[in-house]
Amino acid sequence: MEKTLLAEGIKYAEDNFLNDQASHLKVDKELIPKLMDLDGKRIIDFGCGMGGMTLWYAKKWDCEIYGVDIDQHHIEVANFLKKKHQISNVHFEKRNIVEHPLEGKFDYIFLNDVVEHIREDYLVNIFQQLAKALSAKGRIFISYPPWKSPYASHLNHVIKIPWCQFLPSPVLNNLIEKNNHPIVGDLESDLKEAYAGLNKMTHKKLMGIMEQTDLKQVYRKSHCILNRVSPMKEVNFRIFPLNYSITKEFIMFEKV
């Protein structure tokens, strides 16, 4: 990996780790401690990316956590930050869990901003493997921006047009080409590849995948723009057209 890209990755992941106000993780970091106590737990951060959230879990709780990802460049950044901040209760590994299933049982498995990046036909097998790795009372926690989200394209930081995924394809493709640049990743190495890898995930799609596993939903929160207004902070706006204002879905599953 080029030094410039490595430096960019470190800066981005370190901000995700240390900054509780980081816009795309602010709600995650507020919600997770309200839902669970991770002290003494054994945890997998699946699709950990460059390890920002993995390190956050490890620092905030006295837990044993493993970050797994299939991208070697992501793991390289994660291990750099682990060493820099001397976080001892976290372990990072490049791993394809379908080819090399997880060993042992885990109390919690997290997928933060991951499911929208994996092909649907792969997700069934992945969740079947994750379910096998859950302890008897274990839970899987998923967060992701649904496809109707204003930020679901993952392009807003460069194109700065909410809901740009609904622009006519020639218009959007032209904007992506104009703004394309390298990103940290050996599997998706630029913005164009990253956008092409999105699976247009929705809650309906996700539940269809989960129906093929032995997992059941036990919690769901749909956070939207209107939740920023105090009186409506806890309201789920899931009916049309308000469902287009949902910025992130948070869902918890356990074994049937």
Protein backbone atom coordinates (compact mmCIF):
# COMPACT_ATOMS: atom_id res chain seq x y z
CA MET A 1 0.00 0.00 0.00
CA GLU A 2 1.28 3.49 -0.87
CA LYS A 3 2.37 5.63 2.07
CA THR A 4 -0.15 8.35 1.19
CA LEU A 5 -3.04 5.90 1.23
CA LEU A 6 -1.78 4.30 4.43
CA ALA A 7 -1.68 7.71 6.10
CA GLU A 8 -5.21 8.50 4.89
CA GLY A 9 -6.47 5.16 6.20
CA ILE A 10 -4.84 5.67 9.58
CA LYS A 11 -6.32 9.16 9.91
CA TYR A 12 -9.82 7.96 8.98
CA ALA A 13 -9.79 4.86 11.22
CA GLU A 14 -8.26 6.75 14.15
CA ASP A 15 -11.04 9.33 13.95
CA ASN A 16 -13.61 6.52 13.97
CA PHE A 17 -11.89 5.13 17.07
CA LEU A 18 -11.42 8.30 19.11
CA ASN A 19 -14.12 10.69 17.92
CA ASP A 20 -17.51 9.90 19.48
CA GLN A 21 -19.04 12.66 17.35
CA ALA A 22 -17.96 11.19 14.00
CA SER A 23 -21.12 11.73 11.97
CA HIS A 24 -21.62 8.20 10.58
CA LEU A 25 -20.91 6.51 13.93
CA LYS A 26 -22.35 8.97 16.46
CA VAL A 27 -25.67 7.14 16.82
CA ASP A 28 -23.93 3.74 16.96
CA LYS A 29 -21.74 4.89 19.84
CA GLU A 30 -24.72 6.32 21.72
CA LEU A 31 -26.99 3.31 21.17
CA ILE A 32 -24.69 0.32 21.74
CA PRO A 33 -23.90 1.06 25.44
CA LYS A 34 -27.62 1.44 26.12
CA LEU A 35 -28.38 -1.99 24.68
CA MET A 36 -25.52 -4.10 26.01
CA ASP A 37 -22.70 -4.41 28.51
CA LEU A 38 -19.67 -5.98 26.86
CA ASP A 39 -17.54 -6.41 29.98
CA GLY A 40 -16.25 -9.97 30.21
CA LYS A 41 -17.66 -10.87 26.81
CA ARG A 42 -16.03 -12.58 23.84
CA ILE A 43 -16.76 -10.63 20.66
CA ILE A 44 -16.30 -10.73 16.90
CA ASP A 45 -16.26 -7.51 14.86
CA PHE A 46 -17.02 -9.00 11.47
CA GLY A 47 -15.92 -6.95 8.48
CA CYS A 48 -14.00 -4.75 10.88
CA GLY A 49 -12.48 -2.67 8.10
CA MET A 50 -9.61 -0.57 9.41
CA GLY A 51 -10.54 -1.32 13.00
CA GLY A 52 -11.93 1.99 14.26
CA MET A 53 -14.99 0.52 15.96
CA THR A 54 -13.13 -2.63 17.03
CA LEU A 55 -10.64 -0.52 18.95
CA TRP A 56 -13.49 1.54 20.42
CA TYR A 57 -15.16 -1.60 21.83
CA ALA A 58 -11.83 -2.83 23.21
CA LYS A 59 -11.05 0.46 24.95
CA LYS A 60 -14.54 1.07 26.33
CA TRP A 61 -15.10 -2.43 27.75
CA ASP A 62 -13.03 -5.11 29.44
CA CYS A 63 -13.74 -7.63 26.70
CA GLU A 64 -11.90 -9.98 24.37
CA ILE A 65 -12.53 -8.88 20.79
CA TYR A 66 -11.46 -10.21 17.40
CA GLY A 67 -11.62 -8.04 14.28
CA VAL A 68 -11.85 -10.05 11.06
CA ASP A 69 -11.84 -8.72 7.50
CA ILE A 70 -11.00 -10.11 4.08
CA ASP A 71 -9.00 -7.02 3.02
CA GLN A 72 -5.30 -7.14 3.90
CA HIS A 73 -4.89 -3.37 3.60
CA HIS A 74 -7.64 -2.82 6.19
CA ILE A 75 -5.97 -5.22 8.61
CA GLU A 76 -2.64 -3.46 8.08
CA VAL A 77 -4.13 -0.13 9.20
CA ALA A 78 -5.96 -1.77 12.12
CA ASN A 79 -2.79 -3.41 13.45
CA PHE A 80 -0.88 -0.13 13.13
CA LEU A 81 -3.45 1.62 15.35
CA LYS A 82 -3.56 -1.29 17.81
CA LYS A 83 0.19 -0.95 18.29
CA LYS A 84 0.12 2.86 18.40
CA HIS A 85 -2.56 2.99 21.10
CA GLN A 86 -1.33 -0.13 22.92
CA ILE A 87 -4.70 -1.87 22.96
CA SER A 88 -4.01 -5.40 24.16
CA ASN A 89 -7.49 -6.98 24.27
CA VAL A 90 -8.08 -6.81 20.52
CA HIS A 91 -6.80 -9.15 17.78
CA PHE A 92 -7.02 -8.48 14.04
CA GLU A 93 -6.97 -11.14 11.35
CA LYS A 94 -7.51 -11.40 7.62
CA ARG A 95 -10.03 -14.21 7.31
CA ASN A 96 -12.72 -15.57 5.00
CA ILE A 97 -15.08 -17.24 7.48
CA VAL A 98 -16.81 -19.32 4.81
CA GLU A 99 -13.53 -20.98 3.82
CA HIS A 100 -12.13 -20.88 7.37
CA PRO A 101 -15.01 -20.91 9.91
CA LEU A 102 -14.64 -19.16 13.24
CA GLU A 103 -13.40 -21.20 16.17
CA GLY A 104 -15.15 -21.25 19.54
CA LYS A 105 -18.25 -19.38 20.65
CA PHE A 106 -18.89 -15.65 20.93
CA ASP A 107 -21.30 -13.60 23.04
CA TYR A 108 -21.71 -10.79 20.53
CA ILE A 109 -21.01 -10.42 16.83
CA PHE A 110 -21.02 -6.92 15.34
CA LEU A 111 -21.43 -5.91 11.72
CA ASN A 112 -21.08 -2.13 11.51
CA ASP A 113 -21.63 -0.78 7.99
CA VAL A 114 -20.81 -4.15 6.47
CA VAL A 115 -23.91 -5.93 5.11
CA GLU A 116 -24.45 -3.39 2.32
CA HIS A 117 -21.01 -4.24 0.87
CA ILE A 118 -21.44 -8.02 0.48
CA ARG A 119 -23.23 -9.82 -2.35
CA GLU A 120 -26.64 -11.08 -1.23
CA ASP A 121 -25.93 -14.66 -2.29
CA TYR A 122 -22.83 -14.66 -0.05
CA LEU A 123 -24.65 -13.23 2.96
CA VAL A 124 -26.77 -16.34 3.57
CA ASN A 125 -23.68 -18.51 4.00
CA ILE A 126 -21.94 -15.85 6.08
CA PHE A 127 -24.84 -15.53 8.52
CA GLN A 128 -25.15 -19.29 8.77
CA GLN A 129 -21.49 -19.39 9.81
CA LEU A 130 -21.93 -16.50 12.24
CA ALA A 131 -24.96 -18.19 13.81
CA LYS A 132 -22.88 -21.31 14.44
CA ALA A 133 -20.31 -19.17 16.24
CA LEU A 134 -22.85 -17.62 18.64
CA SER A 135 -23.05 -18.77 22.23
CA ALA A 136 -26.43 -20.03 23.46
CA LYS A 137 -27.54 -16.53 24.50
CA GLY A 138 -25.38 -14.70 22.01
CA ARG A 139 -26.58 -11.89 19.76
CA ILE A 140 -25.67 -10.42 16.38
CA PHE A 141 -25.87 -6.63 16.06
CA ILE A 142 -26.09 -5.06 12.60
CA SER A 143 -26.01 -1.42 11.54
CA TYR A 144 -26.18 -0.17 7.95
CA PRO A 145 -27.65 2.66 5.81
CA PRO A 146 -30.66 1.27 3.90
CA TRP A 147 -30.72 1.89 0.15
CA LYS A 148 -33.32 4.67 0.43
CA SER A 149 -31.09 6.55 2.86
CA PRO A 150 -29.79 9.97 1.78
CA TYR A 151 -26.28 8.62 2.41
CA ALA A 152 -26.60 5.05 1.12
CA SER A 153 -24.43 5.71 -1.92
CA HIS A 154 -21.32 6.21 0.27
CA LEU A 155 -20.49 9.04 -2.14
CA ASN A 156 -21.73 12.06 -0.22
CA HIS A 157 -18.29 13.03 1.05
CA VAL A 158 -17.19 13.71 -2.54
CA ILE A 159 -20.34 14.26 -4.61
CA LYS A 160 -22.26 15.96 -1.79
CA ILE A 161 -25.69 15.17 -3.25
CA PRO A 162 -28.05 13.29 -0.88
CA TRP A 163 -29.92 10.38 -2.51
CA CYS A 164 -27.55 10.58 -5.50
CA GLN A 165 -28.05 6.83 -6.02
CA PHE A 166 -31.39 7.72 -7.62
CA LEU A 167 -29.89 10.01 -10.25
CA PRO A 168 -30.05 8.70 -13.84
CA SER A 169 -27.22 6.22 -14.27
CA PRO A 170 -25.35 8.23 -16.96
CA VAL A 171 -25.40 11.32 -14.72
CA LEU A 172 -24.24 9.45 -11.61
CA ASN A 173 -21.58 7.48 -13.48
CA ASN A 174 -20.20 10.72 -14.90
CA LEU A 175 -20.03 12.25 -11.40
CA ILE A 176 -18.26 9.16 -10.06
CA GLU A 177 -15.74 9.24 -12.92
CA LYS A 178 -15.00 12.93 -12.28
CA ASN A 179 -14.50 12.36 -8.56
CA ASN A 180 -12.89 8.92 -8.69
CA HIS A 181 -9.78 8.45 -6.57
CA PRO A 182 -7.83 5.63 -4.88
CA ILE A 183 -9.05 4.37 -1.50
CA VAL A 184 -7.55 2.04 1.10
CA GLY A 185 -8.35 -1.48 -0.02
CA ASP A 186 -6.83 -4.31 -2.01
CA LEU A 187 -10.26 -5.62 -3.08
CA GLU A 188 -11.97 -2.28 -3.77
CA SER A 189 -9.19 0.13 -4.60
CA ASP A 190 -11.09 3.20 -5.81
CA LEU A 191 -14.41 5.01 -5.40
CA LYS A 192 -15.87 3.51 -8.57
CA GLU A 193 -15.23 -0.06 -7.40
CA ALA A 194 -16.61 0.71 -3.93
CA TYR A 195 -19.89 2.02 -5.33
CA ALA A 196 -20.21 -0.89 -7.75
CA GLY A 197 -19.84 -3.27 -4.78
CA LEU A 198 -22.94 -1.99 -2.98
CA ASN A 199 -25.85 -4.46 -2.89
CA LYS A 200 -28.69 -1.92 -2.39
CA MET A 201 -29.57 -3.45 0.98
CA THR A 202 -33.03 -2.92 2.48
CA HIS A 203 -34.69 -4.28 5.60
CA LYS A 204 -36.89 -6.53 3.46
CA LYS A 205 -33.84 -7.99 1.71
CA LEU A 206 -32.04 -8.53 4.99
CA MET A 207 -35.00 -10.30 6.58
CA GLY A 208 -35.31 -12.51 3.51
CA ILE A 209 -31.68 -13.54 4.02
CA MET A 210 -32.23 -14.17 7.74
CA GLU A 211 -35.21 -16.42 7.00
CA GLN A 212 -32.67 -18.86 5.55
CA THR A 213 -30.81 -19.06 8.87
CA ASP A 214 -31.76 -19.99 12.43
CA LEU A 215 -31.66 -16.34 13.53
CA LYS A 216 -34.62 -14.18 14.59
CA GLN A 217 -34.95 -10.42 15.01
CA VAL A 218 -35.26 -9.24 18.62
CA TYR A 219 -34.62 -5.51 18.21
CA ARG A 220 -34.86 -2.87 15.49
CA LYS A 221 -34.35 0.88 15.45
CA SER A 222 -34.66 2.96 12.29
CA HIS A 223 -32.80 6.21 12.91
CA CYS A 224 -33.75 9.07 10.62
CA ILE A 225 -33.10 12.77 10.11
CA LEU A 226 -36.25 13.68 12.08
CA ASN A 227 -34.85 11.94 15.17
CA ARG A 228 -32.50 14.89 15.56
CA VAL A 229 -35.49 16.85 16.90
CA SER A 230 -35.72 16.07 20.61
CA PRO A 231 -39.47 15.28 20.90
CA MET A 232 -39.15 12.76 18.05
CA LYS A 233 -35.85 11.21 19.10
CA GLU A 234 -37.25 7.71 19.71
CA VAL A 235 -39.84 7.60 16.90
CA ASN A 236 -39.34 5.16 14.01
CA PHE A 237 -40.42 6.76 10.74
CA ARG A 238 -40.86 3.82 8.41
CA ILE A 239 -43.85 4.83 6.24
CA PHE A 240 -43.55 6.47 2.82
CA PRO A 241 -42.18 9.06 2.20
CA LEU A 242 -40.59 9.43 5.64
CA ASN A 243 -38.74 6.15 5.19
CA TYR A 244 -36.47 8.00 2.75
CA SER A 245 -35.18 10.00 5.72
CA ILE A 246 -33.86 6.89 7.53
CA THR A 247 -30.11 7.25 7.78
CA LYS A 248 -29.32 3.95 9.50
CA GLU A 249 -30.95 0.71 10.55
CA PHE A 250 -29.92 -0.98 13.81
CA ILE A 251 -31.04 -4.59 14.21
CA MET A 252 -30.30 -7.33 16.74
CA PHE A 253 -30.69 -11.06 16.12
CA GLU A 254 -30.44 -14.13 18.32
CA LYS A 255 -30.80 -17.85 17.73
CA VAL A 256 -34.30 -19.22 17.24
